[in-house]
Protein backbone atom coordinates (compact mmCIF):
# COMPACT_ATOMS: atom_id res chain seq x y z
CA GLU A 1 24.88 18.26 35.90
CA ALA A 2 24.73 20.55 33.03
CA SER A 3 27.45 18.49 31.23
CA ARG A 4 24.99 15.50 31.38
CA MET A 5 22.15 17.43 29.87
CA ALA A 6 24.15 18.88 27.01
CA PRO A 7 24.31 16.75 23.86
CA SER A 8 27.65 15.01 23.23
CA LYS A 9 29.73 15.19 20.18
CA ASN A 10 28.68 11.68 19.25
CA SER A 11 24.84 12.23 19.46
CA THR A 12 22.77 11.59 16.42
CA PRO A 13 20.28 14.23 15.04
CA PRO A 14 16.62 13.14 15.01
CA SER A 15 16.46 13.13 11.12
CA ALA A 16 19.43 10.62 11.04
CA MET A 17 17.73 8.41 13.72
CA PHE A 18 14.53 8.36 11.72
CA ALA A 19 16.52 7.40 8.59
CA THR A 20 18.25 4.64 10.46
CA LEU A 21 15.00 3.27 11.91
CA THR A 22 13.24 3.29 8.62
CA GLY A 23 16.14 2.18 6.60
CA GLY A 24 16.26 5.37 4.53
CA GLY A 25 13.71 4.27 2.11
CA PRO A 26 12.57 5.83 -1.23
CA PRO A 27 11.59 9.54 -1.44
CA LEU A 28 7.92 10.23 -0.51
CA ASP A 29 7.00 11.21 -3.88
CA VAL A 30 4.33 10.59 -6.53
CA ASP A 31 5.74 10.56 -10.17
CA ASP A 32 2.91 8.73 -11.84
CA THR A 33 -0.37 10.08 -10.68
CA GLN A 34 -2.38 8.38 -13.43
CA LEU A 35 -1.20 5.01 -11.95
CA LEU A 36 -2.08 6.02 -8.45
CA LEU A 37 -5.58 7.09 -9.55
CA TYR A 38 -6.06 3.73 -11.38
CA ASP A 39 -4.94 1.90 -8.41
CA VAL A 40 -7.43 3.68 -6.26
CA PHE A 41 -10.06 2.86 -8.90
CA LEU A 42 -9.26 -0.70 -8.78
CA LEU A 43 -9.29 -0.98 -5.00
CA VAL A 44 -12.57 0.68 -4.57
CA ASN A 45 -14.00 -1.37 -7.38
CA LEU A 46 -12.65 -4.45 -5.52
CA SER A 47 -14.29 -3.61 -2.19
CA VAL A 48 -17.57 -2.82 -3.84
CA SER A 49 -17.55 -5.98 -5.93
CA ILE A 50 -16.74 -8.18 -2.98
CA SER A 51 -19.43 -6.51 -0.85
CA PHE A 52 -22.12 -6.46 -3.61
CA LEU A 53 -21.55 -9.76 -5.32
CA VAL A 54 -20.13 -11.95 -2.66
CA ILE A 55 -20.80 -11.01 0.92
CA HIS A 56 -24.17 -9.23 0.81
CA ARG A 57 -25.63 -10.89 -2.29
CA MET A 58 -26.81 -7.93 -4.43
CA ASN A 59 -28.09 -5.82 -1.48
CA PHE A 60 -27.93 -2.13 -2.38
CA SER A 61 -28.10 -1.04 1.31
CA TYR A 62 -24.47 -2.03 1.81
CA LEU A 63 -23.03 0.01 -1.09
CA PRO A 64 -22.11 3.13 1.16
CA SER A 65 -20.14 0.88 3.59
CA SER A 66 -18.28 -0.93 0.80
CA LEU A 67 -17.45 2.47 -0.73
CA ASN A 68 -16.04 3.64 2.76
CA GLU A 69 -14.10 0.38 3.13
CA GLY A 70 -12.70 0.81 -0.46
CA ALA A 71 -11.68 4.49 0.36
CA LEU A 72 -9.92 3.29 3.60
CA LEU A 73 -8.22 0.44 1.68
CA SER A 74 -7.04 3.09 -0.89
CA ILE A 75 -5.73 5.24 1.81
CA CYS A 76 -3.76 2.36 3.20
CA TRP A 77 -2.55 1.68 -0.24
CA ILE A 78 -1.34 5.02 -0.72
CA VAL A 79 0.48 5.22 2.66
CA ALA A 80 2.21 1.73 1.91
CA GLY A 81 2.98 2.86 -1.56
CA LEU A 82 4.65 5.88 -0.45
CA ALA A 83 6.77 3.92 1.85
CA ASN A 84 7.67 1.39 -0.82
CA GLY A 85 8.09 4.04 -3.64
CA ALA A 86 5.36 2.27 -5.65
CA PHE A 87 4.42 5.62 -7.46
CA LEU A 88 7.92 6.54 -8.54
CA SER A 89 8.83 6.12 -12.23
CA SER A 90 11.34 3.55 -11.28
CA ALA A 91 8.58 1.28 -9.94
CA VAL A 92 7.71 -0.07 -13.32
CA ASP A 93 10.91 -1.95 -13.15
CA GLY A 94 10.73 -2.83 -9.42
CA HIS A 95 13.32 0.00 -8.68
CA TYR A 96 15.92 -1.78 -10.91
CA ASP A 97 17.78 0.21 -13.61
CA PRO A 98 16.61 -1.28 -16.92
CA MET A 99 19.94 -0.25 -18.60
CA GLY A 100 22.20 -1.08 -15.67
CA ALA A 101 23.99 -4.37 -14.55
CA ASP A 102 20.69 -5.48 -12.74
CA TYR A 103 18.38 -5.14 -15.77
CA GLU A 104 17.51 -8.89 -15.59
CA LYS A 105 16.07 -8.42 -12.09
CA GLY A 106 13.79 -5.67 -13.19
CA GLY A 107 10.65 -5.79 -15.39
CA PRO A 108 7.14 -7.15 -14.91
CA ARG A 109 8.22 -9.71 -12.22
CA ALA A 110 9.93 -7.04 -10.11
CA ALA A 111 6.95 -4.70 -10.60
CA GLY A 112 4.58 -7.49 -9.32
CA LEU A 113 6.78 -8.30 -6.39
CA LEU A 114 6.82 -4.60 -5.47
CA ALA A 115 3.04 -4.66 -5.59
CA ILE A 116 2.92 -7.65 -3.50
CA SER A 117 5.19 -5.91 -0.86
CA THR A 118 3.05 -2.93 -1.09
CA PHE A 119 -0.09 -4.78 -0.60
CA VAL A 120 1.20 -6.69 2.41
CA GLY A 121 1.83 -3.22 4.13
CA THR A 122 -1.51 -2.12 2.99
CA SER A 123 -3.23 -5.20 4.53
CA SER A 124 -1.20 -4.89 7.75
CA LEU A 125 -2.28 -1.14 8.00
CA ARG A 126 -5.85 -2.21 7.34
CA ILE A 127 -5.86 -4.85 9.96
CA MET A 128 -4.22 -2.57 12.59
CA ILE A 129 -6.91 0.06 11.85
CA ALA A 130 -9.58 -2.67 12.24
CA LEU A 131 -8.07 -3.84 15.58
CA GLY A 132 -7.61 -0.17 16.82
CA MET A 133 -11.24 0.77 16.02
CA ALA A 134 -12.48 -2.44 17.74
CA VAL A 135 -10.56 -1.66 20.95
CA VAL A 136 -11.72 2.08 20.94
CA GLN A 137 -15.35 1.21 20.16
CA HIS A 138 -15.47 -1.84 22.59
CA ARG A 139 -16.70 -4.16 19.93
CA PRO A 140 -15.60 -7.25 18.09
CA VAL A 141 -13.65 -7.06 14.91
CA GLY A 142 -15.72 -7.82 11.67
CA ILE A 143 -18.57 -5.31 11.93
CA GLY A 144 -19.40 -2.85 9.29
CA GLY A 145 -17.23 -3.10 6.18
CA GLU A 146 -14.57 -5.20 8.15
CA GLU A 147 -16.04 -8.45 6.97
CA LEU A 148 -14.55 -7.62 3.57
CA ILE A 149 -10.93 -7.69 4.81
CA PRO A 150 -10.11 -11.55 4.30
CA LEU A 151 -11.49 -11.45 0.75
CA GLN A 152 -9.80 -8.03 -0.01
CA ILE A 153 -6.46 -9.63 1.15
CA LEU A 154 -6.90 -12.59 -1.02
CA PHE A 155 -8.19 -10.93 -4.17
CA GLY A 156 -6.23 -7.69 -3.75
CA LEU A 157 -2.92 -9.47 -3.65
CA VAL A 158 -3.69 -11.13 -6.96
CA LEU A 159 -5.26 -8.00 -8.52
CA MET A 160 -2.64 -5.55 -7.59
CA SER A 161 0.35 -7.67 -8.41
CA GLY A 162 -1.23 -8.72 -11.78
CA TRP A 163 -2.13 -5.21 -12.61
CA ARG A 164 1.32 -3.88 -11.83
CA SER A 165 3.03 -6.62 -13.89
CA VAL A 166 0.58 -5.82 -16.96
CA HIS A 167 1.29 -2.15 -16.37
CA SER A 168 4.95 -2.86 -16.47
CA VAL A 169 4.84 -4.89 -19.64
CA ASN A 170 2.88 -2.21 -21.48
CA THR A 171 4.82 1.01 -20.27
CA PRO A 172 7.41 2.25 -22.73
CA ARG A 173 10.88 2.80 -21.16
CA ILE A 174 12.59 6.09 -21.93
């Protein structure tokens, strides 16, 4: 029985299994902290604007919940961005080498597509958090800041992909 419990020569270490499950992925690193901070500013501003101007029609009592929702959306963006490598220096060109054979695939279009991919992950995380909190608190989804989620997804996709494309155009390549 001891031979069944001992690892075999062909067993895979846990780190290799994690890399296989996640596809390896980019390094969990932030090369451009200014870009990250501006992303957070845009997402918090998006949540506050949607809450104040659209959903709650100039009602100041909802500002704290909209700031909370913006902070939560920013946390989801950071997690999804780390998974996609959205804060690496190469994200400006969508992780394509601007001097390599794939240079025509990079640039603003690729940066915008990377932002779309990151925001899809962000939206998925935010929806899973909303569903999880609704289950834990035994309540319907859409209470508190959660009524902002549909508009955050719609306008956030446009905002973040457009912002990352413009950033890519205006960022000098070294």
